[in-house]
Amino acid sequence: MSPRPDDQSRLRRGVEEDVRRMQKAVKDRGTLLAQTVYLGTVGLLFVLPVVGCAYLGLWLDGLSEPYASRWTPSLIVLGVVVGAVNVYYFIREKG
């Protein structure tokens, strides 16, 4: 039993579309420099809130030395959460 002509043309169109998409993906692939910049940006978006919150926590702990409260660990956790949200939104926008 041979395939019908409309099935063959539908298959041909599908394959041609896949080939066009693959060629476009190869052409649009970023260079090594562009990928490095992208990863560096993602790293900074995550690390800067963590480091900033850690320094803020150390400063607050220095102000309240006689007390038992510790700001540094809780602010580091807050920095990790803020950094993760930053990375999520950046990847969602650029991806």
PDB file of N, CA and C in Angstrom:
ATOM      1  N   MET A   1       0.836  -1.178   0.000  1.00  0.00           N
ATOM      2  CA  MET A   1       0.000   0.000   0.000  1.00  0.00           C
ATOM      3  C   MET A   1       0.882   1.243   0.000  1.00  0.00           C
ATOM      4  N   SER A   2       0.782   2.078  -0.973  1.00  0.00           N
ATOM      5  CA  SER A   2       1.624   3.268  -1.083  1.00  0.00           C
ATOM      6  C   SER A   2       0.956   4.455  -0.401  1.00  0.00           C
ATOM      7  N   PRO A   3       1.777   5.391   0.116  1.00  0.00           N
ATOM      8  CA  PRO A   3       1.207   6.563   0.787  1.00  0.00           C
ATOM      9  C   PRO A   3       0.479   7.467  -0.201  1.00  0.00           C
ATOM     10  N   ARG A   4      -0.523   8.145   0.314  1.00  0.00           N
ATOM     11  CA  ARG A   4      -1.287   9.075  -0.515  1.00  0.00           C
ATOM     12  C   ARG A   4      -0.454  10.313  -0.810  1.00  0.00           C
ATOM     13  N   PRO A   5      -0.718  10.974  -1.933  1.00  0.00           N
ATOM     14  CA  PRO A   5       0.070  12.175  -2.293  1.00  0.00           C
ATOM     15  C   PRO A   5      -0.027  13.288  -1.260  1.00  0.00           C
ATOM     16  N   ASP A   6      -1.189  13.493  -0.642  1.00  0.00           N
ATOM     17  CA  ASP A   6      -1.297  14.574   0.344  1.00  0.00           C
ATOM     18  C   ASP A   6      -0.506  14.242   1.607  1.00  0.00           C
ATOM     19  N   ASP A   7      -0.374  12.946   1.950  1.00  0.00           N
ATOM     20  CA  ASP A   7       0.472  12.568   3.079  1.00  0.00           C
ATOM     21  C   ASP A   7       1.937  12.859   2.776  1.00  0.00           C
ATOM     22  N   GLN A   8       2.350  12.590   1.546  1.00  0.00           N
ATOM     23  CA  GLN A   8       3.737  12.856   1.158  1.00  0.00           C
ATOM     24  C   GLN A   8       4.042  14.348   1.182  1.00  0.00           C
ATOM     25  N   SER A   9       3.122  15.149   0.688  1.00  0.00           N
ATOM     26  CA  SER A   9       3.370  16.597   0.677  1.00  0.00           C
ATOM     27  C   SER A   9       3.374  17.152   2.105  1.00  0.00           C
ATOM     28  N   ARG A  10       2.527  16.630   2.970  1.00  0.00           N
ATOM     29  CA  ARG A  10       2.513  17.068   4.364  1.00  0.00           C
ATOM     30  C   ARG A  10       3.827  16.694   5.059  1.00  0.00           C
ATOM     31  N   LEU A  11       4.309  15.473   4.778  1.00  0.00           N
ATOM     32  CA  LEU A  11       5.581  15.045   5.339  1.00  0.00           C
ATOM     33  C   LEU A  11       6.719  15.906   4.812  1.00  0.00           C
ATOM     34  N   ARG A  12       6.708  16.204   3.527  1.00  0.00           N
ATOM     35  CA  ARG A  12       7.752  17.031   2.920  1.00  0.00           C
ATOM     36  C   ARG A  12       7.764  18.431   3.546  1.00  0.00           C
ATOM     37  N   ARG A  13       6.577  19.024   3.729  1.00  0.00           N
ATOM     38  CA  ARG A  13       6.499  20.356   4.346  1.00  0.00           C
ATOM     39  C   ARG A  13       7.023  20.321   5.781  1.00  0.00           C
ATOM     40  N   GLY A  14       6.675  19.269   6.506  1.00  0.00           N
ATOM     41  CA  GLY A  14       7.153  19.152   7.891  1.00  0.00           C
ATOM     42  C   GLY A  14       8.659  19.033   7.967  1.00  0.00           C
ATOM     43  N   VAL A  15       9.235  18.216   7.083  1.00  0.00           N
ATOM     44  CA  VAL A  15      10.693  18.048   7.071  1.00  0.00           C
ATOM     45  C   VAL A  15      11.375  19.349   6.666  1.00  0.00           C
ATOM     46  N   GLU A  16      10.841  20.039   5.667  1.00  0.00           N
ATOM     47  CA  GLU A  16      11.432  21.309   5.240  1.00  0.00           C
ATOM     48  C   GLU A  16      11.378  22.345   6.364  1.00  0.00           C
ATOM     49  N   GLU A  17      10.291  22.375   7.105  1.00  0.00           N
ATOM     50  CA  GLU A  17      10.172  23.306   8.232  1.00  0.00           C
ATOM     51  C   GLU A  17      11.191  22.960   9.312  1.00  0.00           C
ATOM     52  N   ASP A  18      11.368  21.678   9.595  1.00  0.00           N
ATOM     53  CA  ASP A  18      12.368  21.265  10.582  1.00  0.00           C
ATOM     54  C   ASP A  18      13.776  21.652  10.145  1.00  0.00           C
ATOM     55  N   VAL A  19      14.071  21.490   8.874  1.00  0.00           N
ATOM     56  CA  VAL A  19      15.390  21.865   8.355  1.00  0.00           C
ATOM     57  C   VAL A  19      15.597  23.367   8.492  1.00  0.00           C
ATOM     58  N   ARG A  20      14.582  24.165   8.186  1.00  0.00           N
ATOM     59  CA  ARG A  20      14.697  25.625   8.320  1.00  0.00           C
ATOM     60  C   ARG A  20      14.941  26.013   9.785  1.00  0.00           C
ATOM     61  N   ARG A  21      14.213  25.381  10.707  1.00  0.00           N
ATOM     62  CA  ARG A  21      14.401  25.690  12.122  1.00  0.00           C
ATOM     63  C   ARG A  21      15.799  25.317  12.599  1.00  0.00           C
ATOM     64  N   MET A  22      16.303  24.173  12.147  1.00  0.00           N
ATOM     65  CA  MET A  22      17.647  23.749  12.548  1.00  0.00           C
ATOM     66  C   MET A  22      18.706  24.690  11.982  1.00  0.00           C
ATOM     67  N   GLN A  23      18.554  25.110  10.740  1.00  0.00           N
ATOM     68  CA  GLN A  23      19.514  26.046  10.146  1.00  0.00           C
ATOM     69  C   GLN A  23      19.479  27.391  10.861  1.00  0.00           C
ATOM     70  N   LYS A  24      18.292  27.849  11.237  1.00  0.00           N
ATOM     71  CA  LYS A  24      18.168  29.110  11.963  1.00  0.00           C
ATOM     72  C   LYS A  24      18.822  28.997  13.345  1.00  0.00           C
ATOM     73  N   ALA A  25      18.657  27.849  14.012  1.00  0.00           N
ATOM     74  CA  ALA A  25      19.262  27.656  15.330  1.00  0.00           C
ATOM     75  C   ALA A  25      20.778  27.659  15.240  1.00  0.00           C
ATOM     76  N   VAL A  26      21.330  27.058  14.206  1.00  0.00           N
ATOM     77  CA  VAL A  26      22.784  27.045  14.036  1.00  0.00           C
ATOM     78  C   VAL A  26      23.281  28.456  13.748  1.00  0.00           C
ATOM     79  N   LYS A  27      22.556  29.197  12.921  1.00  0.00           N
ATOM     80  CA  LYS A  27      22.967  30.550  12.561  1.00  0.00           C
ATOM     81  C   LYS A  27      22.865  31.500  13.754  1.00  0.00           C
ATOM     82  N   ASP A  28      21.834  31.341  14.597  1.00  0.00           N
ATOM     83  CA  ASP A  28      21.603  32.255  15.712  1.00  0.00           C
ATOM     84  C   ASP A  28      22.368  31.880  16.979  1.00  0.00           C
ATOM     85  N   ARG A  29      23.113  30.781  16.935  1.00  0.00           N
ATOM     86  CA  ARG A  29      23.846  30.359  18.124  1.00  0.00           C
ATOM     87  C   ARG A  29      24.869  31.421  18.485  1.00  0.00           C
ATOM     88  N   GLY A  30      24.940  31.739  19.771  1.00  0.00           N
ATOM     89  CA  GLY A  30      25.844  32.786  20.216  1.00  0.00           C
ATOM     90  C   GLY A  30      27.299  32.359  20.162  1.00  0.00           C
ATOM     91  N   THR A  31      28.168  33.330  20.096  1.00  0.00           N
ATOM     92  CA  THR A  31      29.598  33.063  20.100  1.00  0.00           C
ATOM     93  C   THR A  31      30.047  32.732  21.522  1.00  0.00           C
ATOM     94  N   LEU A  32      31.272  32.302  21.654  1.00  0.00           N
ATOM     95  CA  LEU A  32      31.818  31.973  22.963  1.00  0.00           C
ATOM     96  C   LEU A  32      31.844  33.206  23.858  1.00  0.00           C
ATOM     97  N   LEU A  33      32.180  34.351  23.287  1.00  0.00           N
ATOM     98  CA  LEU A  33      32.212  35.585  24.061  1.00  0.00           C
ATOM     99  C   LEU A  33      30.808  35.954  24.561  1.00  0.00           C
ATOM    100  N   ALA A  34      29.807  35.821  23.708  1.00  0.00           N
ATOM    101  CA  ALA A  34      28.440  36.156  24.109  1.00  0.00           C
ATOM    102  C   ALA A  34      27.958  35.219  25.210  1.00  0.00           C
ATOM    103  N   GLN A  35      28.285  33.945  25.109  1.00  0.00           N
ATOM    104  CA  GLN A  35      27.880  32.995  26.147  1.00  0.00           C
ATOM    105  C   GLN A  35      28.603  33.269  27.460  1.00  0.00           C
ATOM    106  N   THR A  36      29.864  33.689  27.374  1.00  0.00           N
ATOM    107  CA  THR A  36      30.622  34.018  28.574  1.00  0.00           C
ATOM    108  C   THR A  36      30.042  35.245  29.267  1.00  0.00           C
ATOM    109  N   VAL A  37      29.691  36.243  28.503  1.00  0.00           N
ATOM    110  CA  VAL A  37      29.076  37.447  29.068  1.00  0.00           C
ATOM    111  C   VAL A  37      27.742  37.103  29.714  1.00  0.00           C
ATOM    112  N   TYR A  38      26.958  36.255  29.067  1.00  0.00           N
ATOM    113  CA  TYR A  38      25.659  35.845  29.604  1.00  0.00           C
ATOM    114  C   TYR A  38      25.836  35.139  30.949  1.00  0.00           C
ATOM    115  N   LEU A  39      26.772  34.181  31.016  1.00  0.00           N
ATOM    116  CA  LEU A  39      27.001  33.465  32.265  1.00  0.00           C
ATOM    117  C   LEU A  39      27.568  34.382  33.344  1.00  0.00           C
ATOM    118  N   GLY A  40      28.415  35.320  32.960  1.00  0.00           N
ATOM    119  CA  GLY A  40      28.942  36.280  33.926  1.00  0.00           C
ATOM    120  C   GLY A  40      27.847  37.160  34.503  1.00  0.00           C
ATOM    121  N   THR A  41      26.927  37.562  33.663  1.00  0.00           N
ATOM    122  CA  THR A  41      25.801  38.375  34.122  1.00  0.00           C
ATOM    123  C   THR A  41      24.923  37.583  35.085  1.00  0.00           C
ATOM    124  N   VAL A  42      24.656  36.340  34.744  1.00  0.00           N
ATOM    125  CA  VAL A  42      23.853  35.491  35.628  1.00  0.00           C
ATOM    126  C   VAL A  42      24.558  35.318  36.973  1.00  0.00           C
ATOM    127  N   GLY A  43      25.870  35.116  36.942  1.00  0.00           N
ATOM    128  CA  GLY A  43      26.624  34.977  38.186  1.00  0.00           C
ATOM    129  C   GLY A  43      26.552  36.217  39.052  1.00  0.00           C
ATOM    130  N   LEU A  44      26.729  37.377  38.426  1.00  0.00           N
ATOM    131  CA  LEU A  44      26.651  38.628  39.192  1.00  0.00           C
ATOM    132  C   LEU A  44      25.259  38.881  39.747  1.00  0.00           C
ATOM    133  N   LEU A  45      24.242  38.537  38.973  1.00  0.00           N
ATOM    134  CA  LEU A  45      22.871  38.727  39.456  1.00  0.00           C
ATOM    135  C   LEU A  45      22.589  37.874  40.689  1.00  0.00           C
ATOM    136  N   PHE A  46      23.293  36.760  40.805  1.00  0.00           N
ATOM    137  CA  PHE A  46      23.096  35.909  41.981  1.00  0.00           C
ATOM    138  C   PHE A  46      24.009  36.313  43.137  1.00  0.00           C
ATOM    139  N   VAL A  47      25.265  36.613  42.856  1.00  0.00           N
ATOM    140  CA  VAL A  47      26.250  36.822  43.913  1.00  0.00           C
ATOM    141  C   VAL A  47      26.116  38.189  44.587  1.00  0.00           C
ATOM    142  N   LEU A  48      25.822  39.223  43.831  1.00  0.00           N
ATOM    143  CA  LEU A  48      25.782  40.568  44.430  1.00  0.00           C
ATOM    144  C   LEU A  48      24.758  40.707  45.568  1.00  0.00           C
ATOM    145  N   PRO A  49      23.528  40.204  45.447  1.00  0.00           N
ATOM    146  CA  PRO A  49      22.622  40.302  46.592  1.00  0.00           C
ATOM    147  C   PRO A  49      23.105  39.503  47.808  1.00  0.00           C
ATOM    148  N   VAL A  50      23.736  38.357  47.581  1.00  0.00           N
ATOM    149  CA  VAL A  50      24.231  37.549  48.698  1.00  0.00           C
ATOM    150  C   VAL A  50      25.338  38.293  49.440  1.00  0.00           C
ATOM    151  N   VAL A  51      26.286  38.824  48.697  1.00  0.00           N
ATOM    152  CA  VAL A  51      27.405  39.547  49.322  1.00  0.00           C
ATOM    153  C   VAL A  51      26.903  40.829  49.999  1.00  0.00           C
ATOM    154  N   GLY A  52      26.017  41.548  49.335  1.00  0.00           N
ATOM    155  CA  GLY A  52      25.471  42.766  49.934  1.00  0.00           C
ATOM    156  C   GLY A  52      24.719  42.489  51.220  1.00  0.00           C
ATOM    157  N   CYS A  53      23.923  41.455  51.234  1.00  0.00           N
ATOM    158  CA  CYS A  53      23.185  41.105  52.452  1.00  0.00           C
ATOM    159  C   CYS A  53      24.122  40.614  53.546  1.00  0.00           C
ATOM    160  N   ALA A  54      25.188  39.907  53.173  1.00  0.00           N
ATOM    161  CA  ALA A  54      26.156  39.441  54.174  1.00  0.00           C
ATOM    162  C   ALA A  54      26.845  40.628  54.845  1.00  0.00           C
ATOM    163  N   TYR A  55      27.256  41.601  54.053  1.00  0.00           N
ATOM    164  CA  TYR A  55      27.888  42.798  54.640  1.00  0.00           C
ATOM    165  C   TYR A  55      26.904  43.594  55.498  1.00  0.00           C
ATOM    166  N   LEU A  56      25.672  43.694  55.048  1.00  0.00           N
ATOM    167  CA  LEU A  56      24.664  44.377  55.853  1.00  0.00           C
ATOM    168  C   LEU A  56      24.442  43.645  57.173  1.00  0.00           C
ATOM    169  N   GLY A  57      24.398  42.318  57.127  1.00  0.00           N
ATOM    170  CA  GLY A  57      24.240  41.537  58.351  1.00  0.00           C
ATOM    171  C   GLY A  57      25.414  41.704  59.303  1.00  0.00           C
ATOM    172  N   LEU A  58      26.629  41.722  58.768  1.00  0.00           N
ATOM    173  CA  LEU A  58      27.804  41.945  59.622  1.00  0.00           C
ATOM    174  C   LEU A  58      27.759  43.321  60.273  1.00  0.00           C
ATOM    175  N   TRP A  59      27.354  44.310  59.506  1.00  0.00           N
ATOM    176  CA  TRP A  59      27.252  45.673  60.044  1.00  0.00           C
ATOM    177  C   TRP A  59      26.212  45.744  61.159  1.00  0.00           C
ATOM    178  N   LEU A  60      25.043  45.118  60.917  1.00  0.00           N
ATOM    179  CA  LEU A  60      23.992  45.121  61.940  1.00  0.00           C
ATOM    180  C   LEU A  60      24.417  44.340  63.181  1.00  0.00           C
ATOM    181  N   ASP A  61      25.148  43.240  62.979  1.00  0.00           N
ATOM    182  CA  ASP A  61      25.656  42.488  64.132  1.00  0.00           C
ATOM    183  C   ASP A  61      26.670  43.313  64.918  1.00  0.00           C
ATOM    184  N   GLY A  62      27.463  44.114  64.244  1.00  0.00           N
ATOM    185  CA  GLY A  62      28.423  44.980  64.925  1.00  0.00           C
ATOM    186  C   GLY A  62      27.742  46.058  65.745  1.00  0.00           C
ATOM    187  N   LEU A  63      26.583  46.517  65.293  1.00  0.00           N
ATOM    188  CA  LEU A  63      25.844  47.541  66.040  1.00  0.00           C
ATOM    189  C   LEU A  63      25.182  46.976  67.280  1.00  0.00           C
ATOM    190  N   SER A  64      24.826  45.713  67.235  1.00  0.00           N
ATOM    191  CA  SER A  64      24.074  45.114  68.353  1.00  0.00           C
ATOM    192  C   SER A  64      24.876  43.997  69.017  1.00  0.00           C
ATOM    193  N   GLU A  65      26.165  44.262  69.319  1.00  0.00           N
ATOM    194  CA  GLU A  65      27.024  43.235  69.891  1.00  0.00           C
ATOM    195  C   GLU A  65      26.544  42.690  71.229  1.00  0.00           C
ATOM    196  N   PRO A  66      26.054  43.487  72.130  1.00  0.00           N
ATOM    197  CA  PRO A  66      25.666  42.893  73.419  1.00  0.00           C
ATOM    198  C   PRO A  66      24.432  41.980  73.321  1.00  0.00           C
ATOM    199  N   TYR A  67      23.718  42.063  72.236  1.00  0.00           N
ATOM    200  CA  TYR A  67      22.493  41.273  72.112  1.00  0.00           C
ATOM    201  C   TYR A  67      22.783  39.939  71.438  1.00  0.00           C
ATOM    202  N   ALA A  68      21.888  38.999  71.597  1.00  0.00           N
ATOM    203  CA  ALA A  68      22.107  37.650  71.079  1.00  0.00           C
ATOM    204  C   ALA A  68      21.609  37.478  69.646  1.00  0.00           C
ATOM    205  N   SER A  69      20.970  38.490  69.084  1.00  0.00           N
ATOM    206  CA  SER A  69      20.431  38.320  67.736  1.00  0.00           C
ATOM    207  C   SER A  69      21.558  38.315  66.714  1.00  0.00           C
ATOM    208  N   ARG A  70      21.421  37.476  65.707  1.00  0.00           N
ATOM    209  CA  ARG A  70      22.404  37.384  64.641  1.00  0.00           C
ATOM    210  C   ARG A  70      21.714  37.680  63.329  1.00  0.00           C
ATOM    211  N   TRP A  71      22.129  38.753  62.704  1.00  0.00           N
ATOM    212  CA  TRP A  71      21.530  39.175  61.448  1.00  0.00           C
ATOM    213  C   TRP A  71      22.169  38.512  60.233  1.00  0.00           C
ATOM    214  N   THR A  72      23.439  38.200  60.314  1.00  0.00           N
ATOM    215  CA  THR A  72      24.178  37.734  59.149  1.00  0.00           C
ATOM    216  C   THR A  72      23.580  36.485  58.502  1.00  0.00           C
ATOM    217  N   PRO A  73      23.334  35.401  59.239  1.00  0.00           N
ATOM    218  CA  PRO A  73      22.800  34.202  58.569  1.00  0.00           C
ATOM    219  C   PRO A  73      21.438  34.427  57.905  1.00  0.00           C
ATOM    220  N   SER A  74      20.566  35.147  58.585  1.00  0.00           N
ATOM    221  CA  SER A  74      19.239  35.361  58.007  1.00  0.00           C
ATOM    222  C   SER A  74      19.301  36.264  56.779  1.00  0.00           C
ATOM    223  N   LEU A  75      20.182  37.254  56.782  1.00  0.00           N
ATOM    224  CA  LEU A  75      20.298  38.119  55.615  1.00  0.00           C
ATOM    225  C   LEU A  75      21.009  37.416  54.458  1.00  0.00           C
ATOM    226  N   ILE A  76      21.904  36.480  54.753  1.00  0.00           N
ATOM    227  CA  ILE A  76      22.506  35.689  53.671  1.00  0.00           C
ATOM    228  C   ILE A  76      21.440  34.845  52.994  1.00  0.00           C
ATOM    229  N   VAL A  77      20.546  34.247  53.774  1.00  0.00           N
ATOM    230  CA  VAL A  77      19.445  33.467  53.197  1.00  0.00           C
ATOM    231  C   VAL A  77      18.555  34.381  52.341  1.00  0.00           C
ATOM    232  N   LEU A  78      18.284  35.565  52.849  1.00  0.00           N
ATOM    233  CA  LEU A  78      17.494  36.527  52.069  1.00  0.00           C
ATOM    234  C   LEU A  78      18.217  36.882  50.769  1.00  0.00           C
ATOM    235  N   GLY A  79      19.525  37.066  50.823  1.00  0.00           N
ATOM    236  CA  GLY A  79      20.303  37.371  49.618  1.00  0.00           C
ATOM    237  C   GLY A  79      20.252  36.237  48.607  1.00  0.00           C
ATOM    238  N   VAL A  80      20.292  34.987  49.082  1.00  0.00           N
ATOM    239  CA  VAL A  80      20.191  33.837  48.173  1.00  0.00           C
ATOM    240  C   VAL A  80      18.828  33.828  47.488  1.00  0.00           C
ATOM    241  N   VAL A  81      17.784  34.102  48.237  1.00  0.00           N
ATOM    242  CA  VAL A  81      16.438  34.125  47.648  1.00  0.00           C
ATOM    243  C   VAL A  81      16.321  35.244  46.621  1.00  0.00           C
ATOM    244  N   VAL A  82      16.788  36.434  46.967  1.00  0.00           N
ATOM    245  CA  VAL A  82      16.726  37.561  46.033  1.00  0.00           C
ATOM    246  C   VAL A  82      17.570  37.272  44.782  1.00  0.00           C
ATOM    247  N   GLY A  83      18.746  36.696  44.965  1.00  0.00           N
ATOM    248  CA  GLY A  83      19.587  36.348  43.829  1.00  0.00           C
ATOM    249  C   GLY A  83      18.944  35.310  42.929  1.00  0.00           C
ATOM    250  N   ALA A  84      18.309  34.302  43.524  1.00  0.00           N
ATOM    251  CA  ALA A  84      17.632  33.276  42.725  1.00  0.00           C
ATOM    252  C   ALA A  84      16.472  33.875  41.931  1.00  0.00           C
ATOM    253  N   VAL A  85      15.735  34.786  42.536  1.00  0.00           N
ATOM    254  CA  VAL A  85      14.637  35.439  41.821  1.00  0.00           C
ATOM    255  C   VAL A  85      15.184  36.298  40.684  1.00  0.00           C
ATOM    256  N   ASN A  86      16.289  36.999  40.932  1.00  0.00           N
ATOM    257  CA  ASN A  86      16.923  37.792  39.871  1.00  0.00           C
ATOM    258  C   ASN A  86      17.304  36.917  38.682  1.00  0.00           C
ATOM    259  N   VAL A  87      17.951  35.797  38.966  1.00  0.00           N
ATOM    260  CA  VAL A  87      18.391  34.893  37.898  1.00  0.00           C
ATOM    261  C   VAL A  87      17.188  34.326  37.158  1.00  0.00           C
ATOM    262  N   TYR A  88      16.149  33.956  37.896  1.00  0.00           N
ATOM    263  CA  TYR A  88      14.945  33.398  37.265  1.00  0.00           C
ATOM    264  C   TYR A  88      14.338  34.396  36.281  1.00  0.00           C
ATOM    265  N   TYR A  89      14.154  35.641  36.708  1.00  0.00           N
ATOM    266  CA  TYR A  89      13.550  36.635  35.820  1.00  0.00           C
ATOM    267  C   TYR A  89      14.456  36.982  34.633  1.00  0.00           C
ATOM    268  N   PHE A  90      15.773  37.001  34.871  1.00  0.00           N
ATOM    269  CA  PHE A  90      16.693  37.291  33.775  1.00  0.00           C
ATOM    270  C   PHE A  90      16.663  36.191  32.722  1.00  0.00           C
ATOM    271  N   ILE A  91      16.698  34.942  33.158  1.00  0.00           N
ATOM    272  CA  ILE A  91      16.661  33.830  32.209  1.00  0.00           C
ATOM    273  C   ILE A  91      15.318  33.760  31.505  1.00  0.00           C
ATOM    274  N   ARG A  92      14.250  34.034  32.220  1.00  0.00           N
ATOM    275  CA  ARG A  92      12.919  34.012  31.614  1.00  0.00           C
ATOM    276  C   ARG A  92      12.781  35.086  30.547  1.00  0.00           C
ATOM    277  N   GLU A  93      13.383  36.243  30.790  1.00  0.00           N
ATOM    278  CA  GLU A  93      13.294  37.343  29.828  1.00  0.00           C
ATOM    279  C   GLU A  93      14.183  37.090  28.597  1.00  0.00           C
ATOM    280  N   LYS A  94      15.406  36.615  28.832  1.00  0.00           N
ATOM    281  CA  LYS A  94      16.368  36.432  27.747  1.00  0.00           C
ATOM    282  C   LYS A  94      16.240  35.090  27.047  1.00  0.00           C
ATOM    283  N   GLY A  95      15.725  34.089  27.747  1.00  0.00           N
ATOM    284  CA  GLY A  95      15.665  32.735  27.189  1.00  0.00           C
ATOM    285  C   GLY A  95      14.579  32.575  26.235  1.00  0.00           C
TER     286      GLY A  95
END
